[in-house]
């Protein structure tokens, strides 16, 4: 009697998992990049639409030079999933 080998099924599951989260990450990146012509504009991300945790969205925004409106404390005061997250690019003059 031959044993069942789950390796092909596990590889398919890993590929599916990576693909699904890769699509979500690409959508988030497109939202955060936004319109470079209007650098002072506020970027609003809805975690329920992107389907990513707020901590992932916050880390991605910080890595692109965006700061949360009202500071990190303002993000913690809002709800965990349904409230939008707002980010702005810090102005060049206020960094001193």
Protein backbone atom coordinates (compact mmCIF):
# COMPACT_ATOMS: atom_id res chain seq x y z
CA UNK A 1 0.00 0.00 0.00
CA UNK A 2 1.36 3.38 -1.02
CA UNK A 3 1.36 6.32 1.39
CA UNK A 4 -0.25 9.58 0.41
CA UNK A 5 2.33 12.31 -0.29
CA UNK A 6 0.93 15.77 0.66
CA UNK A 7 3.94 17.70 -0.74
CA UNK A 8 2.31 18.90 -4.01
CA UNK A 9 -0.79 20.03 -2.16
CA UNK A 10 1.26 21.93 0.44
CA UNK A 11 3.28 23.68 -2.27
CA UNK A 12 0.06 24.76 -3.94
CA UNK A 13 -1.23 26.12 -0.65
CA UNK A 14 1.96 28.12 -0.05
CA UNK A 15 1.83 29.54 -3.59
CA UNK A 16 -1.81 30.54 -3.12
CA UNK A 17 -1.07 32.17 0.24
CA UNK A 18 1.82 34.17 -1.20
CA UNK A 19 -0.21 35.22 -4.21
CA UNK A 20 -3.17 36.43 -2.16
CA UNK A 21 -1.04 38.48 0.23
CA UNK A 22 1.13 39.71 -2.63
CA UNK A 23 -1.96 41.15 -4.33
CA UNK A 24 -2.99 42.86 -1.09
CA UNK A 25 0.49 44.31 -0.66
CA UNK A 26 0.49 45.63 -4.24
CA UNK A 27 -2.88 47.32 -3.69
CA UNK A 28 -1.56 48.91 -0.51
CA UNK A 29 1.59 50.10 -2.27
CA UNK A 30 -0.49 51.70 -5.03
CA UNK A 31 -2.61 53.51 -2.44
CA UNK A 32 0.40 54.76 -0.52
CA UNK A 33 2.34 55.89 -3.58
CA UNK A 34 -0.66 57.92 -4.69
CA UNK A 35 -0.14 61.05 -6.71
CA UNK A 36 3.41 62.38 -6.47
CA UNK A 37 2.35 65.72 -8.00
CA UNK A 38 0.24 66.45 -4.93
CA UNK A 39 2.78 65.52 -2.23
CA UNK A 40 0.97 67.45 0.51
CA UNK A 41 -2.28 65.54 0.01
CA UNK A 42 -3.59 63.23 2.68
CA UNK A 43 -3.57 59.49 1.92
CA UNK A 44 -6.50 57.56 3.38
CA UNK A 45 -6.34 53.78 3.68
CA UNK A 46 -9.29 51.66 4.79
CA UNK A 47 -7.97 48.46 6.41
CA UNK A 48 -11.22 46.63 5.67
CA UNK A 49 -10.83 47.28 1.94
CA UNK A 50 -7.13 46.40 1.77
CA UNK A 51 -7.70 43.42 4.11
CA UNK A 52 -4.38 43.87 5.89
CA UNK A 53 -3.71 44.48 9.60
CA UNK A 54 -3.30 48.07 10.75
CA UNK A 55 0.26 47.37 11.91
CA UNK A 56 1.24 46.26 8.40
CA UNK A 57 -0.34 49.37 6.87
CA UNK A 58 1.41 51.60 9.42
CA UNK A 59 4.80 49.98 8.75
CA UNK A 60 4.36 50.27 4.98
CA UNK A 61 3.40 53.93 5.26
CA UNK A 62 6.37 54.73 7.50
CA UNK A 63 8.73 52.98 5.08
CA UNK A 64 7.48 55.31 2.33
CA UNK A 65 8.01 58.45 4.42
CA UNK A 66 4.39 58.97 5.44
CA UNK A 67 3.41 60.02 8.94
CA UNK A 68 0.00 59.37 10.54
CA UNK A 69 -2.25 62.40 10.96
CA UNK A 70 -2.31 63.16 14.68
CA UNK A 71 0.65 60.88 15.42
CA UNK A 72 0.77 57.18 16.23
CA UNK A 73 -1.44 57.72 19.28
CA UNK A 74 -4.30 58.81 17.00
CA UNK A 75 -4.11 55.47 15.19
CA UNK A 76 -4.31 53.56 18.45
CA UNK A 77 -7.42 55.43 19.59
CA UNK A 78 -9.43 54.44 16.56
CA UNK A 79 -11.14 51.12 16.00
CA UNK A 80 -9.13 48.10 14.99
CA UNK A 81 -10.64 47.42 11.58
CA UNK A 82 -13.31 49.74 10.23
CA UNK A 83 -11.89 53.22 10.86
CA UNK A 84 -9.75 54.65 8.06
CA UNK A 85 -6.08 55.43 8.58
CA UNK A 86 -4.85 58.82 7.38
CA UNK A 87 -1.26 59.65 6.46
CA UNK A 88 0.55 62.74 5.19
CA UNK A 89 4.04 63.43 3.96
CA UNK A 90 5.94 65.56 6.49
CA UNK A 91 6.74 68.99 5.08
CA UNK A 92 10.37 69.85 4.43
CA UNK A 93 10.23 73.04 6.54
CA UNK A 94 8.96 71.43 9.73
CA UNK A 95 11.86 69.00 10.08
CA UNK A 96 14.09 71.40 11.91
